[in-house]
């Protein structure tokens, strides 16, 4: 409890902090920045959407595996909140308070549709209904949904305050600090701190979540919810370490995230491919170009088996940029041209721009 209290206090102290930027400097700066720009778009640290290429989509237990952000408007870990509905409400609440439950369900549907303003209005209505009937569990759950909504649309100060409130209410209600509801909110609070540039406290948050989750895994848990959240925690923490230029640690945690993702979803899965891309990007940053080629080649080969994976074009371009660094310009041209053709086919202007820059760089080098 003391560890969680310390983490919560550090969150409250950072509510007014402004974000800072940490830039990664390497010898081949132009190529690295281009590769990182692509990787950032298809990695889990996108500023406004929280994940630009990774998201959890709901499964039967209310949690998720990774999926593309632009394929769904549902906020990150909304599935988790839906899964917790039964934990916040008593079994007969839906019969006793049908208007409240209906309002909550409508709010969730509006969030899934991306109608955030209407969703917020509906949540405030649901909150008044819960307060009127003195349903404290309902109030807590609605605060959690409000926090998720604020998190989704980038209102991080609001989300931070709401998550802290929900955690305090749960702990006062006797919920243990290793409860999965507490861990998932701690994880999202750590992500908020990362977005705000408070890397030290963000790291404390990630470590706290991973410690609790690892304890469950070490005890031999078969709970897919715990393993899914653990995979995401490893992924997020790895990206924080990458932003802090701690590449060796980032690589270790990203490998763990990949291994767990493969264990949960198999190799031929979009998130497995994205994590391979991230492993390639970190390898490139560390100067391990052969490893970068291996990871990105595997990502390309596997990703091409997924018909609906639009971001495969960007991974081809990533591979092309690594080939440029290695001086293999013919291979680089093939990869970047493949990326350009795929992005044109899917009408992905951003990927087309990345491929065009890659091809222009190759042209300059060939004419020297």
Protein backbone atom coordinates (compact mmCIF):
# COMPACT_ATOMS: atom_id res chain seq x y z
CA UNK A 1 0.00 0.00 0.00
CA UNK A 2 2.87 2.39 0.81
CA UNK A 3 4.35 1.88 -2.66
CA UNK A 4 1.05 2.71 -4.35
CA UNK A 5 0.53 5.72 -2.07
CA UNK A 6 3.99 7.03 -3.01
CA UNK A 7 3.21 6.62 -6.71
CA UNK A 8 -0.16 8.37 -6.30
CA UNK A 9 1.48 11.29 -4.45
CA UNK A 10 3.98 11.68 -7.27
CA UNK A 11 1.07 11.82 -9.72
CA UNK A 12 -0.66 14.57 -7.77
CA UNK A 13 2.55 16.60 -7.63
CA UNK A 14 2.86 16.58 -11.42
CA UNK A 15 -0.58 17.84 -12.38
CA UNK A 16 0.81 21.24 -13.39
CA UNK A 17 3.97 20.04 -15.13
CA UNK A 18 4.47 20.95 -18.78
CA UNK A 19 5.78 18.38 -21.22
CA UNK A 20 9.42 18.35 -22.30
CA UNK A 21 10.98 16.75 -25.38
CA UNK A 22 13.84 14.26 -25.35
CA UNK A 23 15.55 13.93 -28.73
CA UNK A 24 17.63 10.98 -29.77
CA UNK A 25 20.98 11.88 -31.35
CA UNK A 26 22.95 9.42 -33.48
CA UNK A 27 25.60 9.83 -36.15
CA UNK A 28 23.26 9.33 -39.13
CA UNK A 29 20.71 11.82 -37.90
CA UNK A 30 18.62 12.29 -41.06
CA UNK A 31 18.07 8.59 -41.65
CA UNK A 32 17.45 7.94 -37.98
CA UNK A 33 14.91 10.74 -37.65
CA UNK A 34 13.08 9.47 -40.71
CA UNK A 35 13.02 5.93 -39.36
CA UNK A 36 11.90 7.08 -35.94
CA UNK A 37 9.18 9.25 -37.43
CA UNK A 38 7.79 6.23 -39.22
CA UNK A 39 8.20 4.01 -36.18
CA UNK A 40 6.51 6.57 -33.95
CA UNK A 41 3.47 6.62 -36.22
CA UNK A 42 3.12 2.87 -36.06
CA UNK A 43 4.15 2.51 -32.41
CA UNK A 44 2.34 2.96 -29.14
CA UNK A 45 3.47 6.46 -28.18
CA UNK A 46 1.35 8.62 -30.48
CA UNK A 47 0.39 11.83 -28.61
CA UNK A 48 -3.28 12.26 -29.43
CA UNK A 49 -4.51 8.77 -30.20
CA UNK A 50 -2.35 7.16 -27.51
CA UNK A 51 -1.48 4.37 -29.93
CA UNK A 52 -1.03 5.12 -33.59
CA UNK A 53 -0.81 1.54 -34.73
CA UNK A 54 -1.56 -0.45 -31.63
CA UNK A 55 -4.77 -0.76 -29.72
CA UNK A 56 -6.57 -3.29 -27.63
CA UNK A 57 -9.66 -4.79 -29.12
CA UNK A 58 -12.21 -6.46 -26.97
CA UNK A 59 -12.37 -10.19 -26.44
CA UNK A 60 -14.85 -12.26 -24.52
CA UNK A 61 -13.38 -11.40 -21.12
CA UNK A 62 -13.49 -7.66 -21.68
CA UNK A 63 -9.79 -7.23 -22.40
CA UNK A 64 -8.03 -7.36 -25.68
CA UNK A 65 -5.18 -8.03 -27.97
CA UNK A 66 -3.58 -5.31 -30.05
CA UNK A 67 -5.21 -3.88 -33.15
CA UNK A 68 -4.95 -0.82 -35.34
CA UNK A 69 -6.07 2.47 -33.83
CA UNK A 70 -7.75 3.83 -36.92
CA UNK A 71 -9.95 0.77 -37.25
CA UNK A 72 -11.89 1.58 -34.10
CA UNK A 73 -12.96 4.68 -32.24
CA UNK A 74 -13.08 2.91 -28.91
CA UNK A 75 -10.62 4.33 -26.37
CA UNK A 76 -7.66 2.35 -25.18
CA UNK A 77 -8.60 -0.23 -22.60
CA UNK A 78 -12.27 0.65 -22.93
CA UNK A 79 -12.69 -3.09 -23.07
CA UNK A 80 -11.18 -3.24 -19.61
CA UNK A 81 -13.74 -0.77 -18.30
CA UNK A 82 -16.54 -2.78 -19.85
CA UNK A 83 -15.11 -5.91 -18.30
CA UNK A 84 -15.12 -4.21 -14.91
CA UNK A 85 -18.83 -3.36 -15.17
CA UNK A 86 -19.75 -6.49 -13.27
CA UNK A 87 -17.21 -5.67 -10.57
CA UNK A 88 -18.54 -2.17 -10.00
CA UNK A 89 -22.24 -3.11 -10.04
CA UNK A 90 -24.22 -5.62 -8.09
CA UNK A 91 -26.05 -8.29 -10.05
CA UNK A 92 -29.48 -6.80 -9.47
CA UNK A 93 -28.48 -3.18 -10.19
CA UNK A 94 -29.54 -3.46 -13.81
CA UNK A 95 -33.02 -4.53 -12.73
CA UNK A 96 -33.30 -1.94 -9.94
CA UNK A 97 -31.76 0.97 -11.86
CA UNK A 98 -32.40 0.33 -15.57
CA UNK A 99 -32.16 4.04 -16.48
CA UNK A 100 -28.68 4.33 -14.99
CA UNK A 101 -27.37 1.21 -16.70
CA UNK A 102 -28.97 2.28 -19.99
CA UNK A 103 -27.30 5.69 -19.77
CA UNK A 104 -23.94 4.06 -19.16
CA UNK A 105 -24.34 1.68 -22.09
CA UNK A 106 -25.35 4.56 -24.35
CA UNK A 107 -22.26 6.47 -23.23
CA UNK A 108 -20.04 3.56 -24.13
CA UNK A 109 -21.65 3.22 -27.57
CA UNK A 110 -21.14 6.93 -28.24
CA UNK A 111 -17.47 6.62 -27.28
CA UNK A 112 -17.08 3.66 -29.61
CA UNK A 113 -18.58 5.73 -32.43
CA UNK A 114 -16.22 8.60 -31.73
CA UNK A 115 -19.04 10.94 -30.65
CA UNK A 116 -17.08 12.21 -27.69
CA UNK A 117 -19.05 15.36 -26.87
CA UNK A 118 -22.32 13.46 -26.76
CA UNK A 119 -20.66 10.70 -24.76
CA UNK A 120 -19.44 13.20 -22.18
CA UNK A 121 -22.92 14.68 -21.86
CA UNK A 122 -24.42 11.22 -21.43
CA UNK A 123 -21.83 10.34 -18.79
CA UNK A 124 -22.68 13.46 -16.80
CA UNK A 125 -26.34 12.44 -16.99
CA UNK A 126 -25.44 8.95 -15.78
CA UNK A 127 -23.37 10.44 -12.97
CA UNK A 128 -26.32 12.53 -11.74
CA UNK A 129 -28.52 9.43 -11.88
CA UNK A 130 -26.01 7.39 -9.88
CA UNK A 131 -25.65 10.15 -7.29
CA UNK A 132 -29.42 10.52 -7.00
CA UNK A 133 -29.92 6.83 -6.19
CA UNK A 134 -26.74 6.84 -4.05
CA UNK A 135 -25.11 4.07 -6.07
CA UNK A 136 -21.48 4.64 -5.05
CA UNK A 137 -20.18 1.78 -7.19
CA UNK A 138 -21.96 3.30 -10.16
CA UNK A 139 -20.38 6.69 -9.43
CA UNK A 140 -16.93 5.12 -9.33
CA UNK A 141 -17.49 3.27 -12.59
CA UNK A 142 -18.72 6.41 -14.34
CA UNK A 143 -15.68 8.34 -13.14
CA UNK A 144 -13.58 5.57 -14.67
CA UNK A 145 -15.38 5.93 -18.01
CA UNK A 146 -14.93 9.70 -17.85
CA UNK A 147 -11.23 9.19 -17.23
CA UNK A 148 -10.96 6.83 -20.21
CA UNK A 149 -12.73 9.36 -22.41
CA UNK A 150 -10.43 12.18 -21.33
CA UNK A 151 -7.45 9.87 -21.89
CA UNK A 152 -8.66 9.04 -25.39
CA UNK A 153 -9.03 12.64 -26.53
CA UNK A 154 -5.79 13.84 -24.98
CA UNK A 155 -7.18 15.75 -21.99
CA UNK A 156 -4.48 14.34 -19.76
CA UNK A 157 -4.85 16.64 -16.76
CA UNK A 158 -8.52 15.77 -16.50
CA UNK A 159 -7.84 12.06 -17.02
CA UNK A 160 -5.10 12.10 -14.40
CA UNK A 161 -7.35 13.64 -11.76
CA UNK A 162 -10.21 11.27 -12.56
CA UNK A 163 -8.05 8.13 -12.48
CA UNK A 164 -6.56 9.22 -9.17
CA UNK A 165 -10.06 9.77 -7.79
CA UNK A 166 -11.22 6.34 -8.96
CA UNK A 167 -8.19 4.64 -7.44
CA UNK A 168 -8.71 6.41 -4.13
CA UNK A 169 -12.38 5.43 -4.07
CA UNK A 170 -11.56 1.79 -4.82
CA UNK A 171 -8.83 1.59 -2.21
CA UNK A 172 -11.10 3.17 0.40
CA UNK A 173 -13.70 0.55 -0.52
CA UNK A 174 -11.23 -2.20 0.37
CA UNK A 175 -9.99 -3.13 -3.11
CA UNK A 176 -6.42 -4.50 -2.82
CA UNK A 177 -3.64 -2.60 -4.56
CA UNK A 178 -2.80 -5.57 -6.80
CA UNK A 179 -6.36 -5.66 -8.14
CA UNK A 180 -6.30 -5.52 -11.94
CA UNK A 181 -8.46 -2.38 -11.92
CA UNK A 182 -5.80 -0.58 -9.87
CA UNK A 183 -2.99 -1.88 -12.08
CA UNK A 184 -4.65 -0.83 -15.36
CA UNK A 185 -5.32 2.67 -14.04
CA UNK A 186 -1.76 2.93 -12.72
CA UNK A 187 -0.57 1.93 -16.19
CA UNK A 188 -2.62 4.65 -17.85
CA UNK A 189 -1.45 7.19 -15.28
CA UNK A 190 2.14 6.26 -16.12
CA UNK A 191 1.40 6.79 -19.81
CA UNK A 192 -0.07 10.21 -19.01
CA UNK A 193 3.07 11.18 -17.09
CA UNK A 194 5.15 10.04 -20.06
CA UNK A 195 3.12 12.23 -22.41
CA UNK A 196 3.64 15.16 -20.05
CA UNK A 197 7.40 14.65 -20.05
CA UNK A 198 7.69 13.40 -16.46
CA UNK A 199 9.76 10.38 -17.40
CA UNK A 200 11.02 9.58 -13.90
CA UNK A 201 7.57 9.21 -12.36
CA UNK A 202 6.30 7.50 -15.52
CA UNK A 203 9.04 4.91 -15.12
CA UNK A 204 8.09 4.38 -11.47
CA UNK A 205 4.53 3.74 -12.60
CA UNK A 206 5.52 1.24 -15.28
CA UNK A 207 7.81 -0.59 -12.86
CA UNK A 208 5.03 -0.76 -10.28
CA UNK A 209 2.59 -2.27 -12.80
CA UNK A 210 5.12 -4.74 -14.16
CA UNK A 211 6.08 -5.86 -10.65
CA UNK A 212 2.48 -6.65 -9.73
CA UNK A 213 1.77 -8.36 -13.05
CA UNK A 214 5.00 -10.39 -12.92
CA UNK A 215 4.06 -11.67 -9.47
CA UNK A 216 0.84 -13.07 -10.96
CA UNK A 217 2.74 -14.61 -13.89
CA UNK A 218 5.39 -16.13 -11.58
CA UNK A 219 2.56 -17.78 -9.67
CA UNK A 220 1.62 -19.57 -12.88
CA UNK A 221 -1.48 -17.58 -13.79
CA UNK A 222 -3.32 -18.59 -16.94
CA UNK A 223 -5.40 -15.42 -16.86
CA UNK A 224 -5.30 -13.94 -20.36
CA UNK A 225 -6.34 -10.55 -18.99
CA UNK A 226 -3.20 -10.36 -16.86
CA UNK A 227 -0.94 -11.51 -19.70
CA UNK A 228 -2.47 -9.03 -22.15
CA UNK A 229 -2.00 -6.13 -19.76
CA UNK A 230 1.53 -7.34 -19.03
CA UNK A 231 2.39 -7.37 -22.74
CA UNK A 232 1.10 -3.84 -23.14
CA UNK A 233 3.00 -2.68 -20.04
CA UNK A 234 6.25 -4.08 -21.43
CA UNK A 235 5.58 -2.41 -24.75
CA UNK A 236 4.83 0.98 -23.23
CA UNK A 237 7.79 0.82 -20.87
CA UNK A 238 10.11 -0.12 -23.73
CA UNK A 239 9.03 2.97 -25.66
CA UNK A 240 9.64 5.15 -22.63
CA UNK A 241 13.15 3.69 -22.30
CA UNK A 242 13.71 4.34 -26.00
CA UNK A 243 12.72 7.98 -25.52
CA UNK A 244 15.19 8.13 -22.63
CA UNK A 245 17.96 6.78 -24.90
CA UNK A 246 18.29 3.65 -22.76
CA UNK A 247 18.42 1.40 -25.78
CA UNK A 248 19.71 -1.83 -24.23
CA UNK A 249 16.94 -1.82 -21.61
CA UNK A 250 14.38 -0.84 -24.25
CA UNK A 251 15.49 -3.79 -26.39
CA UNK A 252 15.16 -6.23 -23.50
CA UNK A 253 11.64 -5.15 -22.60
CA UNK A 254 10.54 -4.98 -26.24
CA UNK A 255 11.75 -8.55 -26.75
CA UNK A 256 9.73 -9.62 -23.72
CA UNK A 257 6.67 -7.84 -25.11
CA UNK A 258 7.14 -9.57 -28.46
CA UNK A 259 7.57 -13.02 -26.91
CA UNK A 260 4.45 -12.59 -24.80
CA UNK A 261 2.50 -11.23 -27.77
CA UNK A 262 3.48 -14.26 -29.86
CA UNK A 263 2.50 -16.52 -26.98
CA UNK A 264 -0.92 -14.88 -26.84
CA UNK A 265 -1.62 -14.20 -30.52
CA UNK A 266 0.90 -16.12 -32.62
CA UNK A 267 3.50 -14.71 -35.01
CA UNK A 268 1.05 -13.92 -37.80
CA UNK A 269 -0.68 -11.13 -35.94
CA UNK A 270 -0.59 -7.41 -36.53
CA UNK A 271 0.80 -6.52 -33.13
CA UNK A 272 3.52 -9.14 -33.45
CA UNK A 273 4.55 -7.49 -36.72
CA UNK A 274 4.52 -4.02 -35.15
CA UNK A 275 6.73 -5.21 -32.31
CA UNK A 276 9.16 -6.71 -34.83
CA UNK A 277 9.25 -3.29 -36.48
CA UNK A 278 10.02 -1.72 -33.10
CA UNK A 279 12.78 -4.24 -32.46
CA UNK A 280 14.24 -3.35 -35.84
CA UNK A 281 14.03 0.35 -35.06
CA UNK A 282 15.83 -0.08 -31.73
CA UNK A 283 18.49 -2.23 -33.39
CA UNK A 284 19.02 0.50 -35.98
CA UNK A 285 19.35 3.09 -33.24
CA UNK A 286 21.97 0.96 -31.48
CA UNK A 287 23.89 0.58 -34.74
CA UNK A 288 23.12 -3.13 -35.04
CA UNK A 289 22.21 -2.92 -38.71
CA UNK A 290 22.26 -6.65 -39.43
CA UNK A 291 19.82 -7.27 -36.57
CA UNK A 292 17.66 -4.41 -37.83
CA UNK A 293 17.50 -6.01 -41.27
CA UNK A 294 16.60 -9.38 -39.76
CA UNK A 295 13.78 -7.99 -37.61
CA UNK A 296 12.34 -5.78 -40.34
CA UNK A 297 12.58 -8.51 -42.99
CA UNK A 298 10.68 -10.87 -40.71
CA UNK A 299 8.13 -8.10 -40.07
CA UNK A 300 7.65 -7.59 -43.81
CA UNK A 301 7.33 -11.30 -44.60
CA UNK A 302 4.87 -11.86 -41.76
CA UNK A 303 2.93 -8.65 -42.36
CA UNK A 304 2.32 -9.51 -45.99
CA UNK A 305 0.25 -12.45 -44.75
CA UNK A 306 -2.16 -9.97 -43.14
CA UNK A 307 -4.32 -8.59 -45.91
CA UNK A 308 -5.66 -5.63 -43.95
CA UNK A 309 -2.37 -4.38 -42.49
CA UNK A 310 -1.90 -0.97 -44.15
CA UNK A 311 1.20 -0.10 -42.12
CA UNK A 312 3.21 -2.80 -43.87
CA UNK A 313 4.13 -0.07 -46.38
CA UNK A 314 5.90 1.92 -43.68
CA UNK A 315 7.80 -1.15 -42.54
CA UNK A 316 9.10 -1.62 -46.09
CA UNK A 317 10.32 1.97 -45.98
CA UNK A 318 11.96 1.35 -42.61
CA UNK A 319 13.83 -1.56 -44.14
CA UNK A 320 14.83 0.65 -47.05
CA UNK A 321 16.31 3.23 -44.69
CA UNK A 322 18.38 0.56 -42.97
CA UNK A 323 19.68 -0.62 -46.34
CA UNK A 324 20.67 2.99 -47.13
CA UNK A 325 22.73 3.09 -43.96
CA UNK A 326 24.38 -0.19 -44.93
CA UNK A 327 25.14 1.22 -48.38
CA UNK A 328 22.99 -1.39 -50.13
CA UNK A 329 21.22 1.06 -52.40
CA UNK A 330 19.68 -1.48 -54.82
CA UNK A 331 18.00 -3.31 -51.93
CA UNK A 332 17.01 0.03 -50.43
CA UNK A 333 15.36 1.11 -53.68
CA UNK A 334 13.39 -2.15 -53.91
CA UNK A 335 12.11 -1.79 -50.34
CA UNK A 336 11.17 1.88 -50.63
CA UNK A 337 9.54 1.37 -54.03
CA UNK A 338 7.52 -1.51 -52.58
CA UNK A 339 6.47 0.74 -49.72
CA UNK A 340 5.44 3.47 -52.19
CA UNK A 341 3.34 1.05 -54.27
CA UNK A 342 1.59 -0.39 -51.22
CA UNK A 343 0.85 3.03 -49.77
CA UNK A 344 -0.51 4.21 -53.12
CA UNK A 345 -2.74 1.13 -53.27
CA UNK A 346 -4.14 1.81 -49.81
CA UNK A 347 -4.24 5.61 -50.40
CA UNK A 348 -2.00 6.20 -47.39
CA UNK A 349 -0.56 9.65 -48.08
CA UNK A 350 1.70 9.62 -45.04
CA UNK A 351 3.38 6.37 -46.04
CA UNK A 352 3.70 7.61 -49.60
CA UNK A 353 5.52 10.67 -48.31
CA UNK A 354 7.89 8.49 -46.31
CA UNK A 355 8.60 6.31 -49.35
CA UNK A 356 9.14 9.35 -51.55
CA UNK A 357 11.74 10.77 -49.15
CA UNK A 358 13.50 7.43 -49.09
CA UNK A 359 13.59 7.19 -52.90
CA UNK A 360 14.82 10.78 -53.22
CA UNK A 361 17.65 10.05 -50.80
CA UNK A 362 18.63 6.97 -52.80
CA UNK A 363 18.60 9.01 -56.03
CA UNK A 364 20.94 11.59 -54.49
CA UNK A 365 23.35 8.90 -53.35
CA UNK A 366 23.33 7.16 -56.72
CA UNK A 367 24.15 10.37 -58.59
CA UNK A 368 27.16 11.27 -56.43
